[in-house]
Amino acid sequence: MKFYTPLFAVLMLFAISGLSAFKSKGPAETRDLKKFYDRYKVSGSFILYDQKNDKYIYYNKEQAKMPFTPASTFKICNSLISLETGAVADEKVVYKWDGKERPMPAWNADTDMRAAFKNSTVWFYQELARKVGEEKMKAWLEKLNYGNADISGGIDGFWLRGGLKITPMEQIDFLRKLQGNKLPFSQRTTDIVKKIMIAKDSAGVVIRAKTGSGKQGQETIGWYVGYVTTKDNVYYFSNCMQTENRGADFADARVNIVYDILDELKILKK
């Protein structure tokens, strides 16, 4: 094949390696973690990736490649894009509250990105998305290969009630690229987002994560995705819950299930 030049071979190798950079070649196992979901009367799936040992642990593996609305887990990606494009200068810029009362008290105040990420303030991130604009947002999602990159449903709602969908495994892959500085963002942008993602920092164990909750058909979808860094390893996790009858403890369940599983796997004691 005379057209297969050395340059072409190098380019193809680069492209293939980029696509497969985060494919595990190590062992995988399934765990029966149903009891943690039963406790809250929800169904769902869990993925853990152990970076040091190149190993996946699954519960309900059949859901690993099923697409769900990302809901507020998209705030990780939205933060990165908004910072990189200059839609917001940094995590300390304060946006004024518009005076409209919303269901969460923390949303009814002026806020910056640090607080908006922690409190999952929807209106703040809707404003960021509008500032980025449809054309840039679509281009970035395609560049990042983020889920199905579908922004139908409006620039300020495509991740909540629109066409954007992502699988639990894609959540893991995106987080691995973020932690490994493999996403096409500046180091400054990446560092800011990693900083605002910190949910817990204790005894040498740091958890960076984001919750999410949204509707998909008749079901409420709940997420808690992120990663744990210890002194010698990184563990990535994706908890995706579903229920048709959302209870009062649904929001807490997203996080509690993850912590219960991490405790059982003895990850937080490392």
C-alpha atoms as a PDB file:
ATOM      1  CA  MET A   1       0.000   0.000   0.000  1.00  0.00           C
ATOM      2  CA  LYS A   2       2.152   2.847  -1.336  1.00  0.00           C
ATOM      3  CA  PHE A   3       0.022   5.603   0.196  1.00  0.00           C
ATOM      4  CA  TYR A   4       0.865   4.369   3.709  1.00  0.00           C
ATOM      5  CA  THR A   5       3.781   6.785   4.229  1.00  0.00           C
ATOM      6  CA  PRO A   6       5.838   7.011   7.426  1.00  0.00           C
ATOM      7  CA  LEU A   7       4.140  10.330   8.247  1.00  0.00           C
ATOM      8  CA  PHE A   8       0.706   8.802   7.745  1.00  0.00           C
ATOM      9  CA  ALA A   9       1.690   5.922  10.013  1.00  0.00           C
ATOM     10  CA  VAL A  10       2.820   8.304  12.741  1.00  0.00           C
ATOM     11  CA  LEU A  11      -0.396  10.323  12.487  1.00  0.00           C
ATOM     12  CA  MET A  12      -2.518   7.198  12.635  1.00  0.00           C
ATOM     13  CA  LEU A  13      -0.593   5.898  15.649  1.00  0.00           C
ATOM     14  CA  PHE A  14      -1.100   9.225  17.413  1.00  0.00           C
ATOM     15  CA  ALA A  15      -4.812   9.232  16.680  1.00  0.00           C
ATOM     16  CA  ILE A  16      -5.292   5.652  17.811  1.00  0.00           C
ATOM     17  CA  SER A  17      -3.261   6.179  20.972  1.00  0.00           C
ATOM     18  CA  GLY A  18      -5.339   9.247  21.786  1.00  0.00           C
ATOM     19  CA  LEU A  19      -8.555   7.309  21.461  1.00  0.00           C
ATOM     20  CA  SER A  20      -7.305   4.377  23.486  1.00  0.00           C
ATOM     21  CA  ALA A  21      -5.272   6.263  26.086  1.00  0.00           C
ATOM     22  CA  PHE A  22      -7.739   5.464  28.816  1.00  0.00           C
ATOM     23  CA  LYS A  23      -8.684   1.909  27.928  1.00  0.00           C
ATOM     24  CA  SER A  24      -7.877  -0.436  30.763  1.00  0.00           C
ATOM     25  CA  LYS A  25      -5.961  -3.600  29.960  1.00  0.00           C
ATOM     26  CA  GLY A  26      -6.024  -4.778  33.534  1.00  0.00           C
ATOM     27  CA  PRO A  27      -8.470  -6.957  35.456  1.00  0.00           C
ATOM     28  CA  ALA A  28     -12.113  -6.154  36.087  1.00  0.00           C
ATOM     29  CA  GLU A  29     -14.483  -7.547  38.639  1.00  0.00           C
ATOM     30  CA  THR A  30     -18.111  -7.212  39.598  1.00  0.00           C
ATOM     31  CA  ARG A  31     -19.351  -6.666  43.123  1.00  0.00           C
ATOM     32  CA  ASP A  32     -22.778  -7.168  44.616  1.00  0.00           C
ATOM     33  CA  LEU A  33     -23.454  -3.680  45.947  1.00  0.00           C
ATOM     34  CA  LYS A  34     -27.230  -3.881  45.687  1.00  0.00           C
ATOM     35  CA  LYS A  35     -27.702  -3.494  49.443  1.00  0.00           C
ATOM     36  CA  PHE A  36     -26.485   0.100  49.282  1.00  0.00           C
ATOM     37  CA  TYR A  37     -29.100   1.017  46.676  1.00  0.00           C
ATOM     38  CA  ASP A  38     -31.851  -0.983  48.363  1.00  0.00           C
ATOM     39  CA  ARG A  39     -31.302   1.069  51.506  1.00  0.00           C
ATOM     40  CA  TYR A  40     -32.669   4.104  49.654  1.00  0.00           C
ATOM     41  CA  LYS A  41     -35.174   2.222  47.490  1.00  0.00           C
ATOM     42  CA  VAL A  42     -33.406   3.146  44.246  1.00  0.00           C
ATOM     43  CA  SER A  43     -31.761   1.236  41.432  1.00  0.00           C
ATOM     44  CA  GLY A  44     -28.475   2.168  39.848  1.00  0.00           C
ATOM     45  CA  SER A  45     -24.924   1.314  38.925  1.00  0.00           C
ATOM     46  CA  PHE A  46     -21.445   1.945  40.263  1.00  0.00           C
ATOM     47  CA  ILE A  47     -18.051   2.006  38.577  1.00  0.00           C
ATOM     48  CA  LEU A  48     -14.708   2.347  40.325  1.00  0.00           C
ATOM     49  CA  TYR A  49     -11.406   2.591  38.481  1.00  0.00           C
ATOM     50  CA  ASP A  50      -8.214   1.872  40.453  1.00  0.00           C
ATOM     51  CA  GLN A  51      -5.496   3.723  38.551  1.00  0.00           C
ATOM     52  CA  LYS A  52      -2.443   2.148  40.190  1.00  0.00           C
ATOM     53  CA  ASN A  53      -3.645  -1.380  39.533  1.00  0.00           C
ATOM     54  CA  ASP A  54      -5.399  -0.561  36.240  1.00  0.00           C
ATOM     55  CA  LYS A  55      -8.513  -2.252  37.525  1.00  0.00           C
ATOM     56  CA  TYR A  56     -12.278  -1.670  37.243  1.00  0.00           C
ATOM     57  CA  ILE A  57     -14.876  -2.688  39.796  1.00  0.00           C
ATOM     58  CA  TYR A  58     -18.478  -2.733  38.589  1.00  0.00           C
ATOM     59  CA  TYR A  59     -21.896  -3.026  40.064  1.00  0.00           C
ATOM     60  CA  ASN A  60     -24.655  -3.458  37.465  1.00  0.00           C
ATOM     61  CA  LYS A  61     -22.138  -3.354  34.621  1.00  0.00           C
ATOM     62  CA  GLU A  62     -24.947  -3.419  32.057  1.00  0.00           C
ATOM     63  CA  GLN A  63     -25.489   0.276  32.757  1.00  0.00           C
ATOM     64  CA  ALA A  64     -21.867   1.271  32.158  1.00  0.00           C
ATOM     65  CA  LYS A  65     -22.549   2.257  28.554  1.00  0.00           C
ATOM     66  CA  MET A  66     -26.150   3.421  28.962  1.00  0.00           C
ATOM     67  CA  PRO A  67     -26.653   7.161  28.284  1.00  0.00           C
ATOM     68  CA  PHE A  68     -28.225   9.371  30.953  1.00  0.00           C
ATOM     69  CA  THR A  69     -28.740  13.089  31.353  1.00  0.00           C
ATOM     70  CA  PRO A  70     -25.620  14.502  33.036  1.00  0.00           C
ATOM     71  CA  ALA A  71     -27.634  17.110  34.953  1.00  0.00           C
ATOM     72  CA  SER A  72     -25.359  19.114  37.257  1.00  0.00           C
ATOM     73  CA  THR A  73     -22.347  16.840  36.795  1.00  0.00           C
ATOM     74  CA  PHE A  74     -21.995  18.904  33.600  1.00  0.00           C
ATOM     75  CA  LYS A  75     -20.893  21.792  35.819  1.00  0.00           C
ATOM     76  CA  ILE A  76     -17.406  20.253  35.754  1.00  0.00           C
ATOM     77  CA  CYS A  77     -17.261  20.575  31.978  1.00  0.00           C
ATOM     78  CA  ASN A  78     -19.147  23.888  31.933  1.00  0.00           C
ATOM     79  CA  SER A  79     -16.613  25.358  34.385  1.00  0.00           C
ATOM     80  CA  LEU A  80     -13.688  24.287  32.211  1.00  0.00           C
ATOM     81  CA  ILE A  81     -15.185  25.676  29.005  1.00  0.00           C
ATOM     82  CA  SER A  82     -16.341  28.919  30.619  1.00  0.00           C
ATOM     83  CA  LEU A  83     -12.919  29.636  32.098  1.00  0.00           C
ATOM     84  CA  GLU A  84     -11.044  28.711  28.933  1.00  0.00           C
ATOM     85  CA  THR A  85     -13.238  30.843  26.654  1.00  0.00           C
ATOM     86  CA  GLY A  86     -13.235  33.827  28.997  1.00  0.00           C
ATOM     87  CA  ALA A  87     -16.958  33.640  29.729  1.00  0.00           C
ATOM     88  CA  VAL A  88     -15.815  34.122  33.319  1.00  0.00           C
ATOM     89  CA  ALA A  89     -12.398  35.437  34.314  1.00  0.00           C
ATOM     90  CA  ASP A  90     -11.861  33.225  37.342  1.00  0.00           C
ATOM     91  CA  GLU A  91     -13.622  31.382  40.128  1.00  0.00           C
ATOM     92  CA  LYS A  92     -13.910  34.561  42.252  1.00  0.00           C
ATOM     93  CA  VAL A  93     -15.996  36.691  39.884  1.00  0.00           C
ATOM     94  CA  VAL A  94     -19.355  37.424  41.508  1.00  0.00           C
ATOM     95  CA  TYR A  95     -22.573  37.333  39.488  1.00  0.00           C
ATOM     96  CA  LYS A  96     -25.541  39.280  40.841  1.00  0.00           C
ATOM     97  CA  TRP A  97     -28.655  37.368  41.837  1.00  0.00           C
ATOM     98  CA  ASP A  98     -31.611  38.394  39.667  1.00  0.00           C
ATOM     99  CA  GLY A  99     -33.991  38.542  42.619  1.00  0.00           C
ATOM    100  CA  LYS A 100     -36.084  35.564  41.534  1.00  0.00           C
ATOM    101  CA  GLU A 101     -36.818  33.190  44.392  1.00  0.00           C
ATOM    102  CA  ARG A 102     -35.650  29.634  43.736  1.00  0.00           C
ATOM    103  CA  PRO A 103     -36.189  26.441  45.766  1.00  0.00           C
ATOM    104  CA  MET A 104     -32.686  26.299  47.250  1.00  0.00           C
ATOM    105  CA  PRO A 105     -31.942  29.134  49.709  1.00  0.00           C
ATOM    106  CA  ALA A 106     -28.263  29.191  48.693  1.00  0.00           C
ATOM    107  CA  TRP A 107     -29.309  30.061  45.128  1.00  0.00           C
ATOM    108  CA  ASN A 108     -31.026  33.261  46.234  1.00  0.00           C
ATOM    109  CA  ALA A 109     -27.894  35.374  46.594  1.00  0.00           C
ATOM    110  CA  ASP A 110     -25.005  36.844  44.656  1.00  0.00           C
ATOM    111  CA  THR A 111     -22.468  34.102  44.001  1.00  0.00           C
ATOM    112  CA  ASP A 112     -19.160  33.183  42.431  1.00  0.00           C
ATOM    113  CA  MET A 113     -18.094  29.952  40.748  1.00  0.00           C
ATOM    114  CA  ARG A 114     -16.670  28.426  43.913  1.00  0.00           C
ATOM    115  CA  ALA A 115     -19.964  28.738  45.754  1.00  0.00           C
ATOM    116  CA  ALA A 116     -22.058  27.984  42.663  1.00  0.00           C
ATOM    117  CA  PHE A 117     -20.227  24.705  42.134  1.00  0.00           C
ATOM    118  CA  LYS A 118     -20.579  23.714  45.778  1.00  0.00           C
ATOM    119  CA  ASN A 119     -24.257  24.693  45.934  1.00  0.00           C
ATOM    120  CA  SER A 120     -25.020  23.506  42.387  1.00  0.00           C
ATOM    121  CA  THR A 121     -26.495  26.917  41.585  1.00  0.00           C
ATOM    122  CA  VAL A 122     -28.334  26.390  38.327  1.00  0.00           C
ATOM    123  CA  TRP A 123     -28.861  30.028  37.314  1.00  0.00           C
ATOM    124  CA  PHE A 124     -25.145  30.827  37.625  1.00  0.00           C
ATOM    125  CA  TYR A 125     -24.151  28.055  35.232  1.00  0.00           C
ATOM    126  CA  GLN A 126     -26.988  28.900  32.866  1.00  0.00           C
ATOM    127  CA  GLU A 127     -25.553  32.407  32.632  1.00  0.00           C
ATOM    128  CA  LEU A 128     -22.086  30.997  31.926  1.00  0.00           C
ATOM    129  CA  ALA A 129     -23.464  28.793  29.155  1.00  0.00           C
ATOM    130  CA  ARG A 130     -25.224  31.762  27.551  1.00  0.00           C
ATOM    131  CA  LYS A 131     -21.974  33.712  27.629  1.00  0.00           C
ATOM    132  CA  VAL A 132     -20.108  30.831  25.959  1.00  0.00           C
ATOM    133  CA  GLY A 133     -22.810  30.632  23.271  1.00  0.00           C
ATOM    134  CA  GLU A 134     -24.155  27.754  21.207  1.00  0.00           C
ATOM    135  CA  GLU A 135     -21.431  27.713  18.551  1.00  0.00           C
ATOM    136  CA  LYS A 136     -18.496  27.573  20.964  1.00  0.00           C
ATOM    137  CA  MET A 137     -20.250  25.212  23.331  1.00  0.00           C
ATOM    138  CA  LYS A 138     -21.036  22.729  20.576  1.00  0.00           C
ATOM    139  CA  ALA A 139     -17.478  22.931  19.241  1.00  0.00           C
ATOM    140  CA  TRP A 140     -15.996  22.314  22.672  1.00  0.00           C
ATOM    141  CA  LEU A 141     -18.226  19.349  23.460  1.00  0.00           C
ATOM    142  CA  GLU A 142     -17.276  17.743  20.163  1.00  0.00           C
ATOM    143  CA  LYS A 143     -13.590  18.480  20.782  1.00  0.00           C
ATOM    144  CA  LEU A 144     -13.827  16.935  24.238  1.00  0.00           C
ATOM    145  CA  ASN A 145     -15.907  13.983  23.001  1.00  0.00           C
ATOM    146  CA  TYR A 146     -18.198  14.722  25.944  1.00  0.00           C
ATOM    147  CA  GLY A 147     -21.085  12.271  25.880  1.00  0.00           C
ATOM    148  CA  ASN A 148     -23.122  12.649  22.698  1.00  0.00           C
ATOM    149  CA  ALA A 149     -22.244  16.387  22.454  1.00  0.00           C
ATOM    150  CA  ASP A 150     -25.914  17.190  21.806  1.00  0.00           C
ATOM    151  CA  ILE A 151     -26.866  20.737  22.882  1.00  0.00           C
ATOM    152  CA  SER A 152     -30.444  20.614  21.643  1.00  0.00           C
ATOM    153  CA  GLY A 153     -32.958  21.954  24.123  1.00  0.00           C
ATOM    154  CA  GLY A 154     -31.502  25.419  24.553  1.00  0.00           C
ATOM    155  CA  ILE A 155     -28.089  26.795  25.473  1.00  0.00           C
ATOM    156  CA  ASP A 156     -29.165  27.253  29.084  1.00  0.00           C
ATOM    157  CA  GLY A 157     -30.804  23.873  29.548  1.00  0.00           C
ATOM    158  CA  PHE A 158     -29.392  21.206  27.213  1.00  0.00           C
ATOM    159  CA  TRP A 159     -27.671  19.398  30.095  1.00  0.00           C
ATOM    160  CA  LEU A 160     -30.769  19.527  32.298  1.00  0.00           C
ATOM    161  CA  ARG A 161     -33.750  18.858  30.046  1.00  0.00           C
ATOM    162  CA  GLY A 162     -32.251  18.712  26.556  1.00  0.00           C
ATOM    163  CA  GLY A 163     -30.399  16.299  24.339  1.00  0.00           C
ATOM    164  CA  LEU A 164     -27.079  15.928  26.149  1.00  0.00           C
ATOM    165  CA  LYS A 165     -26.475  12.406  27.438  1.00  0.00           C
ATOM    166  CA  ILE A 166     -23.432  10.715  28.943  1.00  0.00           C
ATOM    167  CA  THR A 167     -22.737   7.167  30.122  1.00  0.00           C
ATOM    168  CA  PRO A 168     -21.277   6.199  33.503  1.00  0.00           C
ATOM    169  CA  MET A 169     -18.147   4.950  31.726  1.00  0.00           C
ATOM    170  CA  GLU A 170     -17.798   8.237  29.830  1.00  0.00           C
ATOM    171  CA  GLN A 171     -17.980  10.039  33.159  1.00  0.00           C
ATOM    172  CA  ILE A 172     -15.021   7.954  34.363  1.00  0.00           C
ATOM    173  CA  ASP A 173     -13.048   8.570  31.163  1.00  0.00           C
ATOM    174  CA  PHE A 174     -13.624  12.335  31.349  1.00  0.00           C
ATOM    175  CA  LEU A 175     -12.487  12.456  34.967  1.00  0.00           C
ATOM    176  CA  ARG A 176      -9.362  10.458  34.182  1.00  0.00           C
ATOM    177  CA  LYS A 177      -8.442  12.917  31.467  1.00  0.00           C
ATOM    178  CA  LEU A 178      -9.097  15.846  33.784  1.00  0.00           C
ATOM    179  CA  GLN A 179      -7.006  14.469  36.613  1.00  0.00           C
ATOM    180  CA  GLY A 180      -4.208  13.496  34.241  1.00  0.00           C
ATOM    181  CA  ASN A 181      -4.154  16.929  32.561  1.00  0.00           C
ATOM    182  CA  LYS A 182      -5.065  15.303  29.249  1.00  0.00           C
ATOM    183  CA  LEU A 183      -7.904  17.669  28.335  1.00  0.00           C
ATOM    184  CA  PRO A 184      -7.229  20.536  25.887  1.00  0.00           C
ATOM    185  CA  PHE A 185      -7.379  23.272  28.510  1.00  0.00           C
ATOM    186  CA  SER A 186      -4.711  25.518  29.982  1.00  0.00           C
ATOM    187  CA  GLN A 187      -3.089  24.444  33.223  1.00  0.00           C
ATOM    188  CA  ARG A 188      -4.651  27.473  34.891  1.00  0.00           C
ATOM    189  CA  THR A 189      -8.162  26.436  33.872  1.00  0.00           C
ATOM    190  CA  THR A 190      -7.571  22.841  34.940  1.00  0.00           C
ATOM    191  CA  ASP A 191      -6.117  23.851  38.301  1.00  0.00           C
ATOM    192  CA  ILE A 192      -9.044  26.160  39.104  1.00  0.00           C
ATOM    193  CA  VAL A 193     -11.608  23.457  38.359  1.00  0.00           C
ATOM    194  CA  LYS A 194      -9.715  20.833  40.330  1.00  0.00           C
ATOM    195  CA  LYS A 195      -9.675  23.248  43.254  1.00  0.00           C
ATOM    196  CA  ILE A 196     -13.396  24.020  43.249  1.00  0.00           C
ATOM    197  CA  MET A 197     -14.185  20.307  42.912  1.00  0.00           C
ATOM    198  CA  ILE A 198     -12.703  19.460  46.324  1.00  0.00           C
ATOM    199  CA  ALA A 199     -15.468  18.006  48.489  1.00  0.00           C
ATOM    200  CA  LYS A 200     -13.268  16.593  51.240  1.00  0.00           C
ATOM    201  CA  ASP A 201      -9.610  16.927  52.214  1.00  0.00           C
ATOM    202  CA  SER A 202      -8.572  14.948  55.252  1.00  0.00           C
ATOM    203  CA  ALA A 203      -5.530  12.985  56.387  1.00  0.00           C
ATOM    204  CA  GLY A 204      -3.930  12.914  52.961  1.00  0.00           C
ATOM    205  CA  VAL A 205      -7.099  11.783  51.183  1.00  0.00           C
ATOM    206  CA  VAL A 206      -8.715  14.283  48.802  1.00  0.00           C
ATOM    207  CA  ILE A 207     -12.118  13.737  47.203  1.00  0.00           C
ATOM    208  CA  ARG A 208     -13.091  15.822  44.180  1.00  0.00           C
ATOM    209  CA  ALA A 209     -16.654  15.287  43.040  1.00  0.00           C
ATOM    210  CA  LYS A 210     -19.963  16.642  41.758  1.00  0.00           C
ATOM    211  CA  THR A 211     -23.568  15.687  42.326  1.00  0.00           C
ATOM    212  CA  GLY A 212     -26.303  15.826  39.707  1.00  0.00           C
ATOM    213  CA  SER A 213     -30.037  15.252  39.566  1.00  0.00           C
ATOM    214  CA  GLY A 214     -32.437  15.403  36.627  1.00  0.00           C
ATOM    215  CA  LYS A 215     -35.416  13.849  34.897  1.00  0.00           C
ATOM    216  CA  GLN A 216     -35.223  11.314  32.088  1.00  0.00           C
ATOM    217  CA  GLY A 217     -38.590  10.059  30.987  1.00  0.00           C
ATOM    218  CA  GLN A 218     -40.481   8.931  34.076  1.00  0.00           C
ATOM    219  CA  GLU A 219     -37.335   8.495  36.140  1.00  0.00           C
ATOM    220  CA  THR A 220     -35.303  10.813  38.317  1.00  0.00           C
ATOM    221  CA  ILE A 221     -31.586  10.361  37.675  1.00  0.00           C
ATOM    222  CA  GLY A 222     -29.092  10.973  40.430  1.00  0.00           C
ATOM    223  CA  TRP A 223     -25.324  11.188  40.025  1.00  0.00           C
ATOM    224  CA  TYR A 224     -22.259  11.452  42.195  1.00  0.00           C
ATOM    225  CA  VAL A 225     -19.063  11.333  40.161  1.00  0.00           C
ATOM    226  CA  GLY A 226     -15.489  12.179  41.015  1.00  0.00           C
ATOM    227  CA  TYR A 227     -12.165  10.803  42.159  1.00  0.00           C
ATOM    228  CA  VAL A 228     -10.197  10.112  45.312  1.00  0.00           C
ATOM    229  CA  THR A 229      -6.491  10.846  45.546  1.00  0.00           C
ATOM    230  CA  THR A 230      -4.454   9.126  48.235  1.00  0.00           C
ATOM    231  CA  LYS A 231      -0.710   9.316  48.830  1.00  0.00           C
ATOM    232  CA  ASP A 232      -0.031   6.636  46.228  1.00  0.00           C
ATOM    233  CA  ASN A 233      -3.136   6.132  44.088  1.00  0.00           C
ATOM    234  CA  VAL A 234      -6.175   7.642  42.398  1.00  0.00           C
ATOM    235  CA  TYR A 235      -9.627   6.041  42.407  1.00  0.00           C
ATOM    236  CA  TYR A 236     -12.335   7.289  40.050  1.00  0.00           C
ATOM    237  CA  PHE A 237     -15.999   6.661  40.754  1.00  0.00           C
ATOM    238  CA  SER A 238     -19.367   7.028  39.085  1.00  0.00           C
ATOM    239  CA  ASN A 239     -22.622   6.448  40.932  1.00  0.00           C
ATOM    240  CA  CYS A 240     -25.729   6.672  38.743  1.00  0.00           C
ATOM    241  CA  MET A 241     -29.087   6.197  40.488  1.00  0.00           C
ATOM    242  CA  GLN A 242     -32.594   5.951  39.072  1.00  0.00           C
ATOM    243  CA  THR A 243     -36.054   5.964  40.620  1.00  0.00           C
ATOM    244  CA  GLU A 244     -39.623   6.714  39.615  1.00  0.00           C
ATOM    245  CA  ASN A 245     -40.509   7.654  43.184  1.00  0.00           C
ATOM    246  CA  ARG A 246     -38.028  10.194  44.489  1.00  0.00           C
ATOM    247  CA  GLY A 247     -37.909  10.180  48.273  1.00  0.00           C
ATOM    248  CA  ALA A 248     -36.843  12.903  50.679  1.00  0.00           C
ATOM    249  CA  ASP A 249     -33.447  11.234  51.113  1.00  0.00           C
ATOM    250  CA  PHE A 250     -32.683  11.009  47.375  1.00  0.00           C
ATOM    251  CA  ALA A 251     -30.189  13.886  47.344  1.00  0.00           C
ATOM    252  CA  ASP A 252     -28.243  12.491  50.295  1.00  0.00           C
ATOM    253  CA  ALA A 253     -28.369   8.973  48.865  1.00  0.00           C
ATOM    254  CA  ARG A 254     -26.265   9.970  45.845  1.00  0.00           C
ATOM    255  CA  VAL A 255     -23.333  10.804  48.098  1.00  0.00           C
ATOM    256  CA  ASN A 256     -23.956   8.361  50.939  1.00  0.00           C
ATOM    257  CA  ILE A 257     -23.950   5.352  48.612  1.00  0.00           C
ATOM    258  CA  VAL A 258     -20.528   6.320  47.299  1.00  0.00           C
ATOM    259  CA  TYR A 259     -19.050   6.813  50.762  1.00  0.00           C
ATOM    260  CA  ASP A 260     -20.515   3.518  51.968  1.00  0.00           C
ATOM    261  CA  ILE A 261     -19.020   1.690  48.994  1.00  0.00           C
ATOM    262  CA  LEU A 262     -15.625   3.391  49.356  1.00  0.00           C
ATOM    263  CA  ASP A 263     -15.627   2.401  53.023  1.00  0.00           C
ATOM    264  CA  GLU A 264     -16.449  -1.213  52.171  1.00  0.00           C
ATOM    265  CA  LEU A 265     -13.645  -1.256  49.601  1.00  0.00           C
ATOM    266  CA  LYS A 266     -11.329   0.270  52.259  1.00  0.00           C
ATOM    267  CA  ILE A 267     -10.313   3.073  49.914  1.00  0.00           C
ATOM    268  CA  LEU A 268     -10.794   5.895  52.398  1.00  0.00           C
ATOM    269  CA  LYS A 269      -8.514   4.150  54.903  1.00  0.00           C
ATOM    270  CA  LYS A 270      -5.510   4.078  52.595  1.00  0.00           C
END
